[in-house]
PDB file of N, CA and C in Angstrom:
ATOM      1  N   MET A   1       0.408   6.068  11.211  1.00  0.00           N
ATOM      2  CA  MET A   1      -0.391   5.646  10.078  1.00  0.00           C
ATOM      3  C   MET A   1       0.202   4.377   9.452  1.00  0.00           C
ATOM      4  N   ARG A   2       1.524   4.365   9.309  1.00  0.00           N
ATOM      5  CA  ARG A   2       2.167   3.200   8.712  1.00  0.00           C
ATOM      6  C   ARG A   2       1.823   1.932   9.477  1.00  0.00           C
ATOM      7  N   MET A   3       1.944   1.966  10.799  1.00  0.00           N
ATOM      8  CA  MET A   3       1.668   0.778  11.606  1.00  0.00           C
ATOM      9  C   MET A   3       0.193   0.399  11.547  1.00  0.00           C
ATOM     10  N   GLN A   4      -0.687   1.376  11.495  1.00  0.00           N
ATOM     11  CA  GLN A   4      -2.119   1.090  11.390  1.00  0.00           C
ATOM     12  C   GLN A   4      -2.428   0.373  10.076  1.00  0.00           C
ATOM     13  N   ILE A   5      -1.821   0.809   8.989  1.00  0.00           N
ATOM     14  CA  ILE A   5      -2.032   0.172   7.687  1.00  0.00           C
ATOM     15  C   ILE A   5      -1.448  -1.236   7.683  1.00  0.00           C
ATOM     16  N   ILE A   6      -0.264  -1.407   8.267  1.00  0.00           N
ATOM     17  CA  ILE A   6       0.337  -2.743   8.345  1.00  0.00           C
ATOM     18  C   ILE A   6      -0.562  -3.671   9.153  1.00  0.00           C
ATOM     19  N   ASN A   7      -1.089  -3.199  10.274  1.00  0.00           N
ATOM     20  CA  ASN A   7      -1.989  -4.024  11.098  1.00  0.00           C
ATOM     21  C   ASN A   7      -3.256  -4.391  10.338  1.00  0.00           C
ATOM     22  N   LEU A   8      -3.843  -3.446   9.618  1.00  0.00           N
ATOM     23  CA  LEU A   8      -5.029  -3.743   8.812  1.00  0.00           C
ATOM     24  C   LEU A   8      -4.718  -4.782   7.738  1.00  0.00           C
ATOM     25  N   ALA A   9      -3.563  -4.667   7.116  1.00  0.00           N
ATOM     26  CA  ALA A   9      -3.169  -5.622   6.080  1.00  0.00           C
ATOM     27  C   ALA A   9      -2.994  -7.020   6.656  1.00  0.00           C
ATOM     28  N   VAL A  10      -2.319  -7.115   7.783  1.00  0.00           N
ATOM     29  CA  VAL A  10      -2.097  -8.427   8.410  1.00  0.00           C
ATOM     30  C   VAL A  10      -3.427  -9.040   8.841  1.00  0.00           C
ATOM     31  N   GLN A  11      -4.320  -8.239   9.414  1.00  0.00           N
ATOM     32  CA  GLN A  11      -5.635  -8.742   9.816  1.00  0.00           C
ATOM     33  C   GLN A  11      -6.445  -9.224   8.611  1.00  0.00           C
ATOM     34  N   SER A  12      -6.207  -8.614   7.455  1.00  0.00           N
ATOM     35  CA  SER A  12      -6.920  -8.992   6.230  1.00  0.00           C
ATOM     36  C   SER A  12      -6.206 -10.084   5.456  1.00  0.00           C
ATOM     37  N   LYS A  13      -5.150 -10.631   6.049  1.00  0.00           N
ATOM     38  CA  LYS A  13      -4.361 -11.709   5.453  1.00  0.00           C
ATOM     39  C   LYS A  13      -3.669 -11.290   4.156  1.00  0.00           C
ATOM     40  N   LEU A  14      -3.308 -10.021   4.065  1.00  0.00           N
ATOM     41  CA  LEU A  14      -2.512  -9.537   2.944  1.00  0.00           C
ATOM     42  C   LEU A  14      -1.043  -9.671   3.305  1.00  0.00           C
ATOM     43  N   LYS A  15      -0.220 -10.009   2.339  1.00  0.00           N
ATOM     44  CA  LYS A  15       1.213 -10.125   2.584  1.00  0.00           C
ATOM     45  C   LYS A  15       1.812  -8.726   2.685  1.00  0.00           C
ATOM     46  N   VAL A  16       2.655  -8.528   3.678  1.00  0.00           N
ATOM     47  CA  VAL A  16       3.314  -7.243   3.898  1.00  0.00           C
ATOM     48  C   VAL A  16       4.815  -7.461   3.808  1.00  0.00           C
ATOM     49  N   TYR A  17       5.464  -6.666   2.969  1.00  0.00           N
ATOM     50  CA  TYR A  17       6.916  -6.723   2.836  1.00  0.00           C
ATOM     51  C   TYR A  17       7.481  -5.346   3.125  1.00  0.00           C
ATOM     52  N   GLU A  18       8.411  -5.285   4.043  1.00  0.00           N
ATOM     53  CA  GLU A  18       9.136  -4.054   4.293  1.00  0.00           C
ATOM     54  C   GLU A  18      10.572  -4.289   3.831  1.00  0.00           C
ATOM     55  N   CYS A  19      11.027  -3.423   2.955  1.00  0.00           N
ATOM     56  CA  CYS A  19      12.375  -3.596   2.413  1.00  0.00           C
ATOM     57  C   CYS A  19      12.914  -2.253   1.951  1.00  0.00           C
ATOM     58  N   THR A  20      14.195  -2.235   1.685  1.00  0.00           N
ATOM     59  CA  THR A  20      14.808  -1.052   1.112  1.00  0.00           C
ATOM     60  C   THR A  20      14.357  -0.945  -0.340  1.00  0.00           C
ATOM     61  N   MET A  21      13.885   0.222  -0.716  1.00  0.00           N
ATOM     62  CA  MET A  21      13.381   0.398  -2.071  1.00  0.00           C
ATOM     63  C   MET A  21      14.524   0.741  -3.019  1.00  0.00           C
ATOM     64  N   THR A  22      14.650  -0.059  -4.041  1.00  0.00           N
ATOM     65  CA  THR A  22      15.606   0.181  -5.110  1.00  0.00           C
ATOM     66  C   THR A  22      14.824   0.182  -6.424  1.00  0.00           C
ATOM     67  N   PRO A  23      15.397   0.654  -7.483  1.00  0.00           N
ATOM     68  CA  PRO A  23      14.696   0.560  -8.774  1.00  0.00           C
ATOM     69  C   PRO A  23      14.289  -0.878  -9.116  1.00  0.00           C
ATOM     70  N   GLN A  24      15.104  -1.842  -8.747  1.00  0.00           N
ATOM     71  CA  GLN A  24      14.788  -3.243  -9.041  1.00  0.00           C
ATOM     72  C   GLN A  24      13.572  -3.723  -8.248  1.00  0.00           C
ATOM     73  N   THR A  25      13.480  -3.341  -6.960  1.00  0.00           N
ATOM     74  CA  THR A  25      12.315  -3.774  -6.186  1.00  0.00           C
ATOM     75  C   THR A  25      11.055  -3.083  -6.675  1.00  0.00           C
ATOM     76  N   LEU A  26      11.165  -1.831  -7.089  1.00  0.00           N
ATOM     77  CA  LEU A  26       9.988  -1.141  -7.641  1.00  0.00           C
ATOM     78  C   LEU A  26       9.517  -1.801  -8.924  1.00  0.00           C
ATOM     79  N   LEU A  27      10.443  -2.237  -9.757  1.00  0.00           N
ATOM     80  CA  LEU A  27      10.062  -2.876 -11.021  1.00  0.00           C
ATOM     81  C   LEU A  27       9.522  -4.286 -10.826  1.00  0.00           C
ATOM     82  N   SER A  28       9.845  -4.930  -9.715  1.00  0.00           N
ATOM     83  CA  SER A  28       9.343  -6.290  -9.472  1.00  0.00           C
ATOM     84  C   SER A  28       8.055  -6.304  -8.646  1.00  0.00           C
ATOM     85  N   ALA A  29       7.660  -5.170  -8.105  1.00  0.00           N
ATOM     86  CA  ALA A  29       6.465  -5.106  -7.250  1.00  0.00           C
ATOM     87  C   ALA A  29       5.187  -5.192  -8.070  1.00  0.00           C
ATOM     88  N   ASP A  30       4.150  -5.788  -7.478  1.00  0.00           N
ATOM     89  CA  ASP A  30       2.819  -5.825  -8.092  1.00  0.00           C
ATOM     90  C   ASP A  30       2.037  -4.563  -7.767  1.00  0.00           C
ATOM     91  N   GLU A  31       2.302  -4.021  -6.595  1.00  0.00           N
ATOM     92  CA  GLU A  31       1.550  -2.857  -6.131  1.00  0.00           C
ATOM     93  C   GLU A  31       2.439  -2.018  -5.217  1.00  0.00           C
ATOM     94  N   VAL A  32       2.308  -0.715  -5.329  1.00  0.00           N
ATOM     95  CA  VAL A  32       3.077   0.205  -4.495  1.00  0.00           C
ATOM     96  C   VAL A  32       2.139   1.303  -4.020  1.00  0.00           C
ATOM     97  N   PHE A  33       2.199   1.599  -2.718  1.00  0.00           N
ATOM     98  CA  PHE A  33       1.450   2.745  -2.206  1.00  0.00           C
ATOM     99  C   PHE A  33       2.223   3.365  -1.054  1.00  0.00           C
ATOM    100  N   LEU A  34       1.940   4.615  -0.822  1.00  0.00           N
ATOM    101  CA  LEU A  34       2.585   5.377   0.241  1.00  0.00           C
ATOM    102  C   LEU A  34       1.546   5.698   1.303  1.00  0.00           C
ATOM    103  N   THR A  35       1.987   5.919   2.527  1.00  0.00           N
ATOM    104  CA  THR A  35       1.066   6.303   3.596  1.00  0.00           C
ATOM    105  C   THR A  35       1.588   7.541   4.307  1.00  0.00           C
ATOM    106  N   ASN A  36       0.660   8.350   4.777  1.00  0.00           N
ATOM    107  CA  ASN A  36       0.993   9.434   5.691  1.00  0.00           C
ATOM    108  C   ASN A  36      -0.264   9.828   6.447  1.00  0.00           C
ATOM    109  N   ALA A  37      -0.093  10.598   7.499  1.00  0.00           N
ATOM    110  CA  ALA A  37      -1.207  10.927   8.385  1.00  0.00           C
ATOM    111  C   ALA A  37      -2.245  11.828   7.728  1.00  0.00           C
ATOM    112  N   ILE A  38      -1.856  12.622   6.754  1.00  0.00           N
ATOM    113  CA  ILE A  38      -2.795  13.540   6.104  1.00  0.00           C
ATOM    114  C   ILE A  38      -3.622  12.837   5.039  1.00  0.00           C
ATOM    115  N   LYS A  39      -2.969  12.142   4.112  1.00  0.00           N
ATOM    116  CA  LYS A  39      -3.669  11.518   2.983  1.00  0.00           C
ATOM    117  C   LYS A  39      -4.082  10.075   3.242  1.00  0.00           C
ATOM    118  N   GLY A  40      -3.534   9.444   4.245  1.00  0.00           N
ATOM    119  CA  GLY A  40      -3.855   8.043   4.498  1.00  0.00           C
ATOM    120  C   GLY A  40      -3.057   7.153   3.576  1.00  0.00           C
ATOM    121  N   ILE A  41      -3.684   6.689   2.501  1.00  0.00           N
ATOM    122  CA  ILE A  41      -3.033   5.808   1.531  1.00  0.00           C
ATOM    123  C   ILE A  41      -3.039   6.492   0.174  1.00  0.00           C
ATOM    124  N   GLU A  42      -1.875   6.561  -0.426  1.00  0.00           N
ATOM    125  CA  GLU A  42      -1.735   7.156  -1.755  1.00  0.00           C
ATOM    126  C   GLU A  42      -1.150   6.101  -2.686  1.00  0.00           C
ATOM    127  N   TRP A  43      -1.952   5.647  -3.639  1.00  0.00           N
ATOM    128  CA  TRP A  43      -1.550   4.613  -4.578  1.00  0.00           C
ATOM    129  C   TRP A  43      -0.560   5.188  -5.588  1.00  0.00           C
ATOM    130  N   VAL A  44       0.466   4.418  -5.923  1.00  0.00           N
ATOM    131  CA  VAL A  44       1.425   4.790  -6.959  1.00  0.00           C
ATOM    132  C   VAL A  44       0.997   4.070  -8.235  1.00  0.00           C
ATOM    133  N   ALA A  45       0.674   4.829  -9.270  1.00  0.00           N
ATOM    134  CA  ALA A  45       0.145   4.240 -10.505  1.00  0.00           C
ATOM    135  C   ALA A  45       1.225   3.535 -11.327  1.00  0.00           C
ATOM    136  N   SER A  46       2.423   4.109 -11.380  1.00  0.00           N
ATOM    137  CA  SER A  46       3.461   3.496 -12.199  1.00  0.00           C
ATOM    138  C   SER A  46       4.834   4.031 -11.811  1.00  0.00           C
ATOM    139  N   TYR A  47       5.839   3.299 -12.239  1.00  0.00           N
ATOM    140  CA  TYR A  47       7.231   3.711 -12.107  1.00  0.00           C
ATOM    141  C   TYR A  47       7.909   3.355 -13.423  1.00  0.00           C
ATOM    142  N   ARG A  48       8.487   4.348 -14.058  1.00  0.00           N
ATOM    143  CA  ARG A  48       9.047   4.182 -15.402  1.00  0.00           C
ATOM    144  C   ARG A  48       7.967   3.608 -16.305  1.00  0.00           C
ATOM    145  N   THR A  49       8.167   2.432 -16.853  1.00  0.00           N
ATOM    146  CA  THR A  49       7.152   1.835 -17.732  1.00  0.00           C
ATOM    147  C   THR A  49       6.325   0.767 -17.023  1.00  0.00           C
ATOM    148  N   LYS A  50       6.550   0.573 -15.722  1.00  0.00           N
ATOM    149  CA  LYS A  50       5.861  -0.476 -14.957  1.00  0.00           C
ATOM    150  C   LYS A  50       4.565   0.060 -14.350  1.00  0.00           C
ATOM    151  N   PRO A  51       3.404  -0.420 -14.803  1.00  0.00           N
ATOM    152  CA  PRO A  51       2.144  -0.021 -14.157  1.00  0.00           C
ATOM    153  C   PRO A  51       1.886  -0.906 -12.934  1.00  0.00           C
ATOM    154  N   TYR A  52       1.199  -0.352 -11.944  1.00  0.00           N
ATOM    155  CA  TYR A  52       0.875  -1.097 -10.730  1.00  0.00           C
ATOM    156  C   TYR A  52      -0.629  -1.255 -10.588  1.00  0.00           C
ATOM    157  N   GLN A  53      -1.013  -2.350  -9.938  1.00  0.00           N
ATOM    158  CA  GLN A  53      -2.414  -2.580  -9.588  1.00  0.00           C
ATOM    159  C   GLN A  53      -2.745  -1.731  -8.363  1.00  0.00           C
ATOM    160  N   ASN A  54      -4.021  -1.597  -8.059  1.00  0.00           N
ATOM    161  CA  ASN A  54      -4.393  -0.895  -6.828  1.00  0.00           C
ATOM    162  C   ASN A  54      -5.465  -1.649  -6.051  1.00  0.00           C
ATOM    163  N   ASN A  55      -5.499  -2.958  -6.185  1.00  0.00           N
ATOM    164  CA  ASN A  55      -6.498  -3.775  -5.489  1.00  0.00           C
ATOM    165  C   ASN A  55      -6.317  -3.732  -3.970  1.00  0.00           C
ATOM    166  N   SER A  56      -5.106  -3.972  -3.503  1.00  0.00           N
ATOM    167  CA  SER A  56      -4.850  -3.993  -2.064  1.00  0.00           C
ATOM    168  C   SER A  56      -4.983  -2.614  -1.450  1.00  0.00           C
ATOM    169  N   SER A  57      -4.497  -1.602  -2.144  1.00  0.00           N
ATOM    170  CA  SER A  57      -4.585  -0.248  -1.586  1.00  0.00           C
ATOM    171  C   SER A  57      -6.040   0.205  -1.481  1.00  0.00           C
ATOM    172  N   ARG A  58      -6.878  -0.159  -2.448  1.00  0.00           N
ATOM    173  CA  ARG A  58      -8.314   0.178  -2.345  1.00  0.00           C
ATOM    174  C   ARG A  58      -8.961  -0.556  -1.181  1.00  0.00           C
ATOM    175  N   LYS A  59      -8.628  -1.833  -1.025  1.00  0.00           N
ATOM    176  CA  LYS A  59      -9.180  -2.627   0.076  1.00  0.00           C
ATOM    177  C   LYS A  59      -8.750  -2.038   1.421  1.00  0.00           C
ATOM    178  N   LEU A  60      -7.464  -1.693   1.543  1.00  0.00           N
ATOM    179  CA  LEU A  60      -6.968  -1.122   2.788  1.00  0.00           C
ATOM    180  C   LEU A  60      -7.576   0.251   3.063  1.00  0.00           C
ATOM    181  N   LEU A  61      -7.774   1.033   2.031  1.00  0.00           N
ATOM    182  CA  LEU A  61      -8.400   2.340   2.213  1.00  0.00           C
ATOM    183  C   LEU A  61      -9.836   2.190   2.706  1.00  0.00           C
ATOM    184  N   ASP A  62     -10.570   1.239   2.156  1.00  0.00           N
ATOM    185  CA  ASP A  62     -11.927   0.953   2.627  1.00  0.00           C
ATOM    186  C   ASP A  62     -11.913   0.516   4.095  1.00  0.00           C
ATOM    187  N   LEU A  63     -10.978  -0.371   4.450  1.00  0.00           N
ATOM    188  CA  LEU A  63     -10.875  -0.825   5.844  1.00  0.00           C
ATOM    189  C   LEU A  63     -10.489   0.316   6.769  1.00  0.00           C
ATOM    190  N   LEU A  64      -9.582   1.156   6.328  1.00  0.00           N
ATOM    191  CA  LEU A  64      -9.164   2.297   7.130  1.00  0.00           C
ATOM    192  C   LEU A  64     -10.331   3.253   7.360  1.00  0.00           C
ATOM    193  N   ASN A  65     -11.069   3.560   6.309  1.00  0.00           N
ATOM    194  CA  ASN A  65     -12.213   4.457   6.435  1.00  0.00           C
ATOM    195  C   ASN A  65     -13.301   3.868   7.322  1.00  0.00           C
ATOM    196  N   SER A  66     -13.534   2.576   7.235  1.00  0.00           N
ATOM    197  CA  SER A  66     -14.570   1.970   8.078  1.00  0.00           C
ATOM    198  C   SER A  66     -14.127   1.867   9.534  1.00  0.00           C
ATOM    199  N   SER A  67     -12.817   1.787   9.789  1.00  0.00           N
ATOM    200  CA  SER A  67     -12.343   1.716  11.173  1.00  0.00           C
ATOM    201  C   SER A  67     -12.385   3.052  11.857  1.00  0.00           C
ATOM    202  N   ILE A  68     -12.411   4.128  11.097  1.00  0.00           N
ATOM    203  CA  ILE A  68     -12.436   5.479  11.645  1.00  0.00           C
ATOM    204  C   ILE A  68     -13.853   5.879  12.073  1.00  0.00           C
ATOM    205  N   LYS A  69     -14.839   5.369  11.367  1.00  0.00           N
ATOM    206  CA  LYS A  69     -16.237   5.766  11.638  1.00  0.00           C
ATOM    207  C   LYS A  69     -16.736   5.279  12.959  1.00  0.00           C
TER     208      LYS A  69
END
């Protein structure tokens, strides 16, 4: 699932960063989401007091759902 989401993101010209997650990287991120085979994409709404957007995760979820049909 992870590789499928990364491929969809790259095809959609979205920037993909893979890095070790630390509290500092979470606080500097614009958007955070998790992937797994059961749920697909799970958007993370916030970490501590930092809220996240969900524009890319919604777009990727739409692309993922349309690729499955």
